[in-house]
Amino acid sequence: MEEQGYIEVKIDGTIGNKPLKTIDIDIAEIKEIISDVETFLYPSRGEKAERPHISYRIEEGSARNLFYLPISGVLLFNGLSTEIKNRGNIDFLDNKRAEIIDKFQRRAAEKNLEISFYSSSTKDPILKINKGTTYFKVASTFIETEFVLYGKINEEGGNYPNFHLLTKEYGTLVVSATEQQLLEGEKRLFKVYGVRAKGKQNLADGKPFDLKLIDYITYNPNYDEHKLDLLIERASTKWNTVPNVDTWLQQIRGGANG
């Protein structure tokens, strides 16, 4: 059996003019702390399903939330907490872990609390969160990615070389390009093309922007009739093995009312 240890989330503060005690912590808050610590250690659904046994106890000394678990979990907690302290931010954390620390930070700032992380491997706090710290999650408004877009090129040129691509999904998009990219090959104005471009995507509405051309893709809407005939022929042999096609389709669709 793996060596056991513990991690601790200690909450210091005042209620009125009196120091915070365990009796002041509502069961809903306790439930939330337990859930938050579990997510911080094991953020994904798969990790939660396979996590080791963790037991919990709350003790006086303001409010000491103690979690007993295998030493590997303690070392993970130590490593993450130390890295947060050393960096002074939570930008490196995955989204779920960052949200947990952000929640602790906002709670500490709003209620003038000090939340300290300890473990069985050290007597000193590994990390302290209070109104003076700034472990807030920076909300992303866009991601940088690569796109394949199709549309009609209806304008080219400009002081800063670019073309306008009229797309069905996003309307008109401006794609910057070099003069060589605009001039080489056939004339593309008022023709439908595909383009491969790198740029940013707005997380709110999904619209691409700040696009830079990588390559053109010739748009060919015509299908290969010979290939289509082959696919139909292959599918037909599979249909021959189905005793009653109508009944099979009805089952696939979820019955008569599907």
C-alpha atoms as a PDB file:
ATOM      1  CA  MET A   1       0.000   0.000   0.000  1.00  0.00           C
ATOM      2  CA  GLU A   2       1.296   3.455  -0.921  1.00  0.00           C
ATOM      3  CA  GLU A   3       2.511   5.705   1.877  1.00  0.00           C
ATOM      4  CA  GLN A   4      -0.206   8.089   3.090  1.00  0.00           C
ATOM      5  CA  GLY A   5      -0.006  11.817   3.836  1.00  0.00           C
ATOM      6  CA  TYR A   6      -2.309  14.798   4.002  1.00  0.00           C
ATOM      7  CA  ILE A   7      -2.903  18.187   2.442  1.00  0.00           C
ATOM      8  CA  GLU A   8      -4.508  21.110   4.217  1.00  0.00           C
ATOM      9  CA  VAL A   9      -6.516  24.130   3.151  1.00  0.00           C
ATOM     10  CA  LYS A  10      -6.556  26.473   6.130  1.00  0.00           C
ATOM     11  CA  ILE A  11      -8.932  29.452   6.199  1.00  0.00           C
ATOM     12  CA  ASP A  12      -8.187  32.391   8.513  1.00  0.00           C
ATOM     13  CA  GLY A  13     -10.463  35.369   8.969  1.00  0.00           C
ATOM     14  CA  THR A  14     -12.969  37.048  11.239  1.00  0.00           C
ATOM     15  CA  ILE A  15     -16.729  36.970  11.705  1.00  0.00           C
ATOM     16  CA  GLY A  16     -17.690  40.320  13.140  1.00  0.00           C
ATOM     17  CA  ASN A  17     -14.837  41.024  15.543  1.00  0.00           C
ATOM     18  CA  LYS A  18     -14.213  37.384  16.417  1.00  0.00           C
ATOM     19  CA  PRO A  19     -11.784  34.934  14.788  1.00  0.00           C
ATOM     20  CA  LEU A  20     -13.304  32.486  12.330  1.00  0.00           C
ATOM     21  CA  LYS A  21     -14.117  29.044  13.768  1.00  0.00           C
ATOM     22  CA  THR A  22     -15.232  25.780  12.236  1.00  0.00           C
ATOM     23  CA  ILE A  23     -18.772  26.378  13.542  1.00  0.00           C
ATOM     24  CA  ASP A  24     -18.945  29.439  11.250  1.00  0.00           C
ATOM     25  CA  ILE A  25     -18.417  27.359   8.101  1.00  0.00           C
ATOM     26  CA  ASP A  26     -21.718  26.342   6.496  1.00  0.00           C
ATOM     27  CA  ILE A  27     -22.066  22.797   5.173  1.00  0.00           C
ATOM     28  CA  ALA A  28     -22.525  24.171   1.637  1.00  0.00           C
ATOM     29  CA  GLU A  29     -19.113  25.857   1.917  1.00  0.00           C
ATOM     30  CA  ILE A  30     -17.558  22.644   3.238  1.00  0.00           C
ATOM     31  CA  LYS A  31     -19.049  20.700   0.334  1.00  0.00           C
ATOM     32  CA  GLU A  32     -17.671  23.260  -2.123  1.00  0.00           C
ATOM     33  CA  ILE A  33     -14.173  23.168  -0.595  1.00  0.00           C
ATOM     34  CA  ILE A  34     -14.120  19.368  -0.792  1.00  0.00           C
ATOM     35  CA  SER A  35     -15.241  19.467  -4.441  1.00  0.00           C
ATOM     36  CA  ASP A  36     -12.714  22.188  -5.294  1.00  0.00           C
ATOM     37  CA  VAL A  37      -9.782  20.298  -3.766  1.00  0.00           C
ATOM     38  CA  GLU A  38     -10.790  17.136  -5.629  1.00  0.00           C
ATOM     39  CA  THR A  39     -10.948  19.062  -8.936  1.00  0.00           C
ATOM     40  CA  PHE A  40      -7.621  20.788  -8.258  1.00  0.00           C
ATOM     41  CA  LEU A  41      -5.938  17.398  -7.801  1.00  0.00           C
ATOM     42  CA  TYR A  42      -7.901  15.429 -10.406  1.00  0.00           C
ATOM     43  CA  PRO A  43      -9.453  17.859 -12.919  1.00  0.00           C
ATOM     44  CA  SER A  44     -10.738  15.510 -15.613  1.00  0.00           C
ATOM     45  CA  ARG A  45     -13.646  13.104 -15.411  1.00  0.00           C
ATOM     46  CA  GLY A  46     -11.309  10.166 -16.071  1.00  0.00           C
ATOM     47  CA  GLU A  47      -8.907  11.219 -13.320  1.00  0.00           C
ATOM     48  CA  LYS A  48     -11.787  11.594 -10.865  1.00  0.00           C
ATOM     49  CA  ALA A  49     -13.055   8.119 -11.743  1.00  0.00           C
ATOM     50  CA  GLU A  50      -9.640   6.573 -11.074  1.00  0.00           C
ATOM     51  CA  ARG A  51      -8.489   8.716  -8.151  1.00  0.00           C
ATOM     52  CA  PRO A  52      -7.389   7.062  -4.899  1.00  0.00           C
ATOM     53  CA  HIS A  53      -9.409   7.034  -1.691  1.00  0.00           C
ATOM     54  CA  ILE A  54      -9.445  10.456   0.017  1.00  0.00           C
ATOM     55  CA  SER A  55     -10.794  11.036   3.515  1.00  0.00           C
ATOM     56  CA  TYR A  56     -11.658  14.414   5.041  1.00  0.00           C
ATOM     57  CA  ARG A  57     -11.628  16.058   8.452  1.00  0.00           C
ATOM     58  CA  ILE A  58     -12.173  19.633   9.629  1.00  0.00           C
ATOM     59  CA  GLU A  59     -10.321  20.912  12.707  1.00  0.00           C
ATOM     60  CA  GLU A  60     -10.135  24.085  14.769  1.00  0.00           C
ATOM     61  CA  GLY A  61      -7.365  26.613  14.274  1.00  0.00           C
ATOM     62  CA  SER A  62      -9.565  28.969  12.302  1.00  0.00           C
ATOM     63  CA  ALA A  63     -10.791  26.280   9.897  1.00  0.00           C
ATOM     64  CA  ARG A  64      -8.352  23.535   8.940  1.00  0.00           C
ATOM     65  CA  ASN A  65      -9.650  21.398   6.081  1.00  0.00           C
ATOM     66  CA  LEU A  66      -7.564  18.219   6.071  1.00  0.00           C
ATOM     67  CA  PHE A  67      -7.517  15.694   3.236  1.00  0.00           C
ATOM     68  CA  TYR A  68      -5.800  12.316   3.725  1.00  0.00           C
ATOM     69  CA  LEU A  69      -4.583  10.584   0.579  1.00  0.00           C
ATOM     70  CA  PRO A  70      -1.601   8.705  -0.926  1.00  0.00           C
ATOM     71  CA  ILE A  71       1.730  10.527  -0.929  1.00  0.00           C
ATOM     72  CA  SER A  72       1.678  10.830  -4.739  1.00  0.00           C
ATOM     73  CA  GLY A  73      -1.363  13.126  -4.393  1.00  0.00           C
ATOM     74  CA  VAL A  74       0.446  15.146  -1.707  1.00  0.00           C
ATOM     75  CA  LEU A  75       3.464  15.608  -3.991  1.00  0.00           C
ATOM     76  CA  LEU A  76       1.200  16.712  -6.851  1.00  0.00           C
ATOM     77  CA  PHE A  77      -0.458  19.261  -4.552  1.00  0.00           C
ATOM     78  CA  ASN A  78       2.957  20.491  -3.363  1.00  0.00           C
ATOM     79  CA  GLY A  79       4.293  20.834  -6.885  1.00  0.00           C
ATOM     80  CA  LEU A  80       1.325  22.770  -8.245  1.00  0.00           C
ATOM     81  CA  SER A  81       1.116  25.056  -5.207  1.00  0.00           C
ATOM     82  CA  THR A  82       4.862  25.780  -5.247  1.00  0.00           C
ATOM     83  CA  GLU A  83       4.797  26.592  -8.948  1.00  0.00           C
ATOM     84  CA  ILE A  84       1.895  29.026  -8.422  1.00  0.00           C
ATOM     85  CA  LYS A  85       3.847  30.771  -5.647  1.00  0.00           C
ATOM     86  CA  ASN A  86       7.085  30.917  -7.662  1.00  0.00           C
ATOM     87  CA  ARG A  87       5.443  32.249 -10.813  1.00  0.00           C
ATOM     88  CA  GLY A  88       3.071  34.608  -9.027  1.00  0.00           C
ATOM     89  CA  ASN A  89       0.282  33.731 -11.451  1.00  0.00           C
ATOM     90  CA  ILE A  90      -1.899  30.820 -12.604  1.00  0.00           C
ATOM     91  CA  ASP A  91      -1.474  31.268 -16.360  1.00  0.00           C
ATOM     92  CA  PHE A  92       0.341  27.927 -16.695  1.00  0.00           C
ATOM     93  CA  LEU A  93      -2.480  25.902 -15.124  1.00  0.00           C
ATOM     94  CA  ASP A  94      -5.100  24.052 -17.141  1.00  0.00           C
ATOM     95  CA  ASN A  95      -8.507  25.703 -17.242  1.00  0.00           C
ATOM     96  CA  LYS A  96     -10.176  23.754 -14.416  1.00  0.00           C
ATOM     97  CA  ARG A  97      -7.298  24.107 -11.950  1.00  0.00           C
ATOM     98  CA  ALA A  98      -7.009  27.807 -12.757  1.00  0.00           C
ATOM     99  CA  GLU A  99     -10.722  28.252 -12.054  1.00  0.00           C
ATOM    100  CA  ILE A 100     -10.317  26.682  -8.584  1.00  0.00           C
ATOM    101  CA  ILE A 101      -7.468  29.010  -7.593  1.00  0.00           C
ATOM    102  CA  ASP A 102      -9.357  31.963  -9.072  1.00  0.00           C
ATOM    103  CA  LYS A 103     -12.345  31.021  -6.893  1.00  0.00           C
ATOM    104  CA  PHE A 104     -10.171  30.901  -3.749  1.00  0.00           C
ATOM    105  CA  GLN A 105      -8.628  34.261  -4.691  1.00  0.00           C
ATOM    106  CA  ARG A 106     -11.988  35.974  -5.196  1.00  0.00           C
ATOM    107  CA  ARG A 107     -13.342  34.565  -1.963  1.00  0.00           C
ATOM    108  CA  ALA A 108     -10.253  35.743  -0.066  1.00  0.00           C
ATOM    109  CA  ALA A 109     -10.514  39.244  -1.556  1.00  0.00           C
ATOM    110  CA  GLU A 110     -14.269  39.615  -1.020  1.00  0.00           C
ATOM    111  CA  LYS A 111     -14.361  38.291   2.567  1.00  0.00           C
ATOM    112  CA  ASN A 112     -10.897  39.432   3.683  1.00  0.00           C
ATOM    113  CA  LEU A 113      -9.727  35.867   4.293  1.00  0.00           C
ATOM    114  CA  GLU A 114      -6.329  34.246   4.136  1.00  0.00           C
ATOM    115  CA  ILE A 115      -6.354  30.792   2.557  1.00  0.00           C
ATOM    116  CA  SER A 116      -3.163  28.812   3.147  1.00  0.00           C
ATOM    117  CA  PHE A 117      -2.062  25.522   1.595  1.00  0.00           C
ATOM    118  CA  TYR A 118      -0.087  23.096   3.776  1.00  0.00           C
ATOM    119  CA  SER A 119       0.847  19.435   3.537  1.00  0.00           C
ATOM    120  CA  SER A 120       2.306  16.643   5.671  1.00  0.00           C
ATOM    121  CA  SER A 121       5.698  17.175   4.036  1.00  0.00           C
ATOM    122  CA  THR A 122       6.226  20.731   5.308  1.00  0.00           C
ATOM    123  CA  LYS A 123       5.423  22.769   8.401  1.00  0.00           C
ATOM    124  CA  ASP A 124       5.384  26.083   6.546  1.00  0.00           C
ATOM    125  CA  PRO A 125       2.579  27.133   4.180  1.00  0.00           C
ATOM    126  CA  ILE A 126       3.306  26.246   0.567  1.00  0.00           C
ATOM    127  CA  LEU A 127       0.994  28.941  -0.790  1.00  0.00           C
ATOM    128  CA  LYS A 128      -0.972  31.829   0.711  1.00  0.00           C
ATOM    129  CA  ILE A 129      -3.933  33.503  -0.958  1.00  0.00           C
ATOM    130  CA  ASN A 130      -5.301  36.752   0.465  1.00  0.00           C
ATOM    131  CA  LYS A 131      -6.533  40.196  -0.638  1.00  0.00           C
ATOM    132  CA  GLY A 132      -2.940  41.176  -1.420  1.00  0.00           C
ATOM    133  CA  THR A 133      -2.341  38.366  -3.919  1.00  0.00           C
ATOM    134  CA  THR A 134      -3.536  38.356  -7.528  1.00  0.00           C
ATOM    135  CA  TYR A 135      -4.053  34.745  -8.520  1.00  0.00           C
ATOM    136  CA  PHE A 136      -6.877  35.602 -10.889  1.00  0.00           C
ATOM    137  CA  LYS A 137      -7.725  33.701 -14.051  1.00  0.00           C
ATOM    138  CA  VAL A 138      -7.247  35.829 -17.154  1.00  0.00           C
ATOM    139  CA  ALA A 139     -10.218  35.229 -19.432  1.00  0.00           C
ATOM    140  CA  SER A 140      -9.227  34.465 -23.031  1.00  0.00           C
ATOM    141  CA  THR A 141     -11.225  36.263 -25.706  1.00  0.00           C
ATOM    142  CA  PHE A 142      -9.650  34.486 -28.676  1.00  0.00           C
ATOM    143  CA  ILE A 143      -7.434  31.609 -29.721  1.00  0.00           C
ATOM    144  CA  GLU A 144      -4.791  31.508 -32.438  1.00  0.00           C
ATOM    145  CA  THR A 145      -5.342  28.740 -34.953  1.00  0.00           C
ATOM    146  CA  GLU A 146      -5.344  27.777 -38.619  1.00  0.00           C
ATOM    147  CA  PHE A 147      -8.398  27.894 -40.863  1.00  0.00           C
ATOM    148  CA  VAL A 148      -9.619  26.449 -44.146  1.00  0.00           C
ATOM    149  CA  LEU A 149     -12.203  28.877 -45.545  1.00  0.00           C
ATOM    150  CA  TYR A 150     -14.258  28.915 -48.744  1.00  0.00           C
ATOM    151  CA  GLY A 151     -15.847  31.900 -50.450  1.00  0.00           C
ATOM    152  CA  LYS A 152     -15.831  34.388 -53.310  1.00  0.00           C
ATOM    153  CA  ILE A 153     -12.906  36.761 -53.612  1.00  0.00           C
ATOM    154  CA  ASN A 154     -14.615  40.087 -54.314  1.00  0.00           C
ATOM    155  CA  GLU A 155     -11.874  42.638 -53.654  1.00  0.00           C
ATOM    156  CA  GLU A 156      -8.082  42.670 -53.858  1.00  0.00           C
ATOM    157  CA  GLY A 157      -5.246  45.130 -53.262  1.00  0.00           C
ATOM    158  CA  GLY A 158      -5.097  48.044 -50.859  1.00  0.00           C
ATOM    159  CA  ASN A 159      -2.174  49.908 -49.269  1.00  0.00           C
ATOM    160  CA  TYR A 160      -1.594  46.834 -47.161  1.00  0.00           C
ATOM    161  CA  PRO A 161      -2.071  43.923 -49.598  1.00  0.00           C
ATOM    162  CA  ASN A 162      -5.143  41.836 -48.825  1.00  0.00           C
ATOM    163  CA  PHE A 163      -8.302  40.413 -50.330  1.00  0.00           C
ATOM    164  CA  HIS A 164     -11.886  40.173 -49.162  1.00  0.00           C
ATOM    165  CA  LEU A 165     -13.365  36.683 -48.962  1.00  0.00           C
ATOM    166  CA  LEU A 166     -17.169  36.535 -48.927  1.00  0.00           C
ATOM    167  CA  THR A 167     -18.034  33.412 -46.915  1.00  0.00           C
ATOM    168  CA  LYS A 168     -21.363  31.780 -46.163  1.00  0.00           C
ATOM    169  CA  GLU A 169     -20.530  31.184 -42.480  1.00  0.00           C
ATOM    170  CA  TYR A 170     -18.898  34.469 -41.415  1.00  0.00           C
ATOM    171  CA  GLY A 171     -19.736  37.057 -44.066  1.00  0.00           C
ATOM    172  CA  THR A 172     -16.842  39.078 -45.453  1.00  0.00           C
ATOM    173  CA  LEU A 173     -13.387  38.300 -44.056  1.00  0.00           C
ATOM    174  CA  VAL A 174     -10.251  40.322 -44.749  1.00  0.00           C
ATOM    175  CA  VAL A 175      -7.206  38.134 -45.453  1.00  0.00           C
ATOM    176  CA  SER A 176      -3.797  39.792 -45.631  1.00  0.00           C
ATOM    177  CA  ALA A 177      -1.328  38.493 -48.206  1.00  0.00           C
ATOM    178  CA  THR A 178       1.925  39.442 -49.890  1.00  0.00           C
ATOM    179  CA  GLU A 179       1.951  41.127 -53.308  1.00  0.00           C
ATOM    180  CA  GLN A 180       3.510  37.970 -54.745  1.00  0.00           C
ATOM    181  CA  GLN A 181       0.679  35.823 -53.398  1.00  0.00           C
ATOM    182  CA  LEU A 182      -1.901  38.151 -54.942  1.00  0.00           C
ATOM    183  CA  LEU A 183      -0.189  38.300 -58.334  1.00  0.00           C
ATOM    184  CA  GLU A 184       1.034  34.747 -58.872  1.00  0.00           C
ATOM    185  CA  GLY A 185      -1.104  32.234 -60.765  1.00  0.00           C
ATOM    186  CA  GLU A 186      -4.458  32.948 -62.377  1.00  0.00           C
ATOM    187  CA  LYS A 187      -6.701  35.910 -61.666  1.00  0.00           C
ATOM    188  CA  ARG A 188      -8.911  35.050 -58.710  1.00  0.00           C
ATOM    189  CA  LEU A 189     -11.113  38.121 -58.433  1.00  0.00           C
ATOM    190  CA  PHE A 190     -14.845  37.252 -58.364  1.00  0.00           C
ATOM    191  CA  LYS A 191     -14.086  33.521 -58.277  1.00  0.00           C
ATOM    192  CA  VAL A 192     -14.835  31.025 -55.523  1.00  0.00           C
ATOM    193  CA  TYR A 193     -11.694  29.764 -53.800  1.00  0.00           C
ATOM    194  CA  GLY A 194     -10.650  27.965 -50.690  1.00  0.00           C
ATOM    195  CA  VAL A 195      -7.886  29.509 -48.624  1.00  0.00           C
ATOM    196  CA  ARG A 196      -5.723  28.145 -45.876  1.00  0.00           C
ATOM    197  CA  ALA A 197      -4.930  30.931 -43.427  1.00  0.00           C
ATOM    198  CA  LYS A 198      -3.613  31.434 -39.926  1.00  0.00           C
ATOM    199  CA  GLY A 199      -5.230  33.893 -37.561  1.00  0.00           C
ATOM    200  CA  LYS A 200      -7.370  34.361 -34.481  1.00  0.00           C
ATOM    201  CA  GLN A 201     -10.832  33.072 -33.646  1.00  0.00           C
ATOM    202  CA  ASN A 202     -13.216  35.002 -31.426  1.00  0.00           C
ATOM    203  CA  LEU A 203     -14.355  32.691 -28.619  1.00  0.00           C
ATOM    204  CA  ALA A 204     -17.660  34.553 -28.266  1.00  0.00           C
ATOM    205  CA  ASP A 205     -18.983  34.140 -31.824  1.00  0.00           C
ATOM    206  CA  GLY A 206     -16.377  31.926 -33.506  1.00  0.00           C
ATOM    207  CA  LYS A 207     -15.569  34.503 -36.204  1.00  0.00           C
ATOM    208  CA  PRO A 208     -11.993  34.483 -37.565  1.00  0.00           C
ATOM    209  CA  PHE A 209      -9.954  37.732 -37.702  1.00  0.00           C
ATOM    210  CA  ASP A 210      -6.371  38.954 -38.223  1.00  0.00           C
ATOM    211  CA  LEU A 211      -6.086  36.412 -41.023  1.00  0.00           C
ATOM    212  CA  LYS A 212      -2.877  35.864 -43.001  1.00  0.00           C
ATOM    213  CA  LEU A 213      -2.866  33.797 -46.175  1.00  0.00           C
ATOM    214  CA  ILE A 214      -0.877  30.567 -46.194  1.00  0.00           C
ATOM    215  CA  ASP A 215      -2.082  29.042 -49.439  1.00  0.00           C
ATOM    216  CA  TYR A 216      -4.927  29.002 -51.959  1.00  0.00           C
ATOM    217  CA  ILE A 217      -7.060  25.904 -52.488  1.00  0.00           C
ATOM    218  CA  THR A 218      -8.762  25.459 -55.841  1.00  0.00           C
ATOM    219  CA  TYR A 219     -12.487  25.048 -55.243  1.00  0.00           C
ATOM    220  CA  ASN A 220     -13.972  22.093 -57.112  1.00  0.00           C
ATOM    221  CA  PRO A 221     -17.648  21.461 -56.327  1.00  0.00           C
ATOM    222  CA  ASN A 222     -17.946  18.660 -58.902  1.00  0.00           C
ATOM    223  CA  TYR A 223     -18.031  15.101 -57.684  1.00  0.00           C
ATOM    224  CA  ASP A 224     -16.372  12.126 -59.386  1.00  0.00           C
ATOM    225  CA  GLU A 225     -19.278  10.207 -60.917  1.00  0.00           C
ATOM    226  CA  HIS A 226     -17.218   7.042 -61.355  1.00  0.00           C
ATOM    227  CA  LYS A 227     -16.251   7.012 -57.659  1.00  0.00           C
ATOM    228  CA  LEU A 228     -19.883   7.607 -56.707  1.00  0.00           C
ATOM    229  CA  ASP A 229     -20.994   4.603 -58.789  1.00  0.00           C
ATOM    230  CA  LEU A 230     -18.384   2.421 -57.072  1.00  0.00           C
ATOM    231  CA  LEU A 231     -19.585   3.512 -53.629  1.00  0.00           C
ATOM    232  CA  ILE A 232     -23.204   2.765 -54.546  1.00  0.00           C
ATOM    233  CA  GLU A 233     -22.184  -0.668 -55.853  1.00  0.00           C
ATOM    234  CA  ARG A 234     -20.286  -1.507 -52.641  1.00  0.00           C
ATOM    235  CA  ALA A 235     -23.136  -0.292 -50.462  1.00  0.00           C
ATOM    236  CA  SER A 236     -25.643  -2.352 -52.435  1.00  0.00           C
ATOM    237  CA  THR A 237     -23.904  -5.612 -51.451  1.00  0.00           C
ATOM    238  CA  LYS A 238     -24.274  -4.627 -47.780  1.00  0.00           C
ATOM    239  CA  TRP A 239     -27.973  -3.849 -48.211  1.00  0.00           C
ATOM    240  CA  ASN A 240     -28.511  -7.371 -49.574  1.00  0.00           C
ATOM    241  CA  THR A 241     -27.616  -8.795 -46.144  1.00  0.00           C
ATOM    242  CA  VAL A 242     -30.447  -6.833 -44.437  1.00  0.00           C
ATOM    243  CA  PRO A 243     -33.649  -8.997 -44.393  1.00  0.00           C
ATOM    244  CA  ASN A 244     -36.111  -6.097 -44.168  1.00  0.00           C
ATOM    245  CA  VAL A 245     -34.690  -2.679 -45.062  1.00  0.00           C
ATOM    246  CA  ASP A 246     -37.752  -0.698 -43.891  1.00  0.00           C
ATOM    247  CA  THR A 247     -37.778  -2.384 -40.467  1.00  0.00           C
ATOM    248  CA  TRP A 248     -34.011  -1.862 -40.073  1.00  0.00           C
ATOM    249  CA  LEU A 249     -34.273   1.839 -40.925  1.00  0.00           C
ATOM    250  CA  GLN A 250     -37.163   2.259 -38.491  1.00  0.00           C
ATOM    251  CA  GLN A 251     -35.046   0.683 -35.706  1.00  0.00           C
ATOM    252  CA  ILE A 252     -32.102   2.957 -36.508  1.00  0.00           C
ATOM    253  CA  ARG A 253     -34.369   6.022 -36.322  1.00  0.00           C
ATOM    254  CA  GLY A 254     -35.694   5.006 -32.908  1.00  0.00           C
ATOM    255  CA  GLY A 255     -38.932   3.282 -33.791  1.00  0.00           C
ATOM    256  CA  ALA A 256     -42.100   4.481 -35.452  1.00  0.00           C
ATOM    257  CA  ASN A 257     -42.109   7.765 -33.511  1.00  0.00           C
ATOM    258  CA  GLY A 258     -38.358   8.477 -33.954  1.00  0.00           C
END
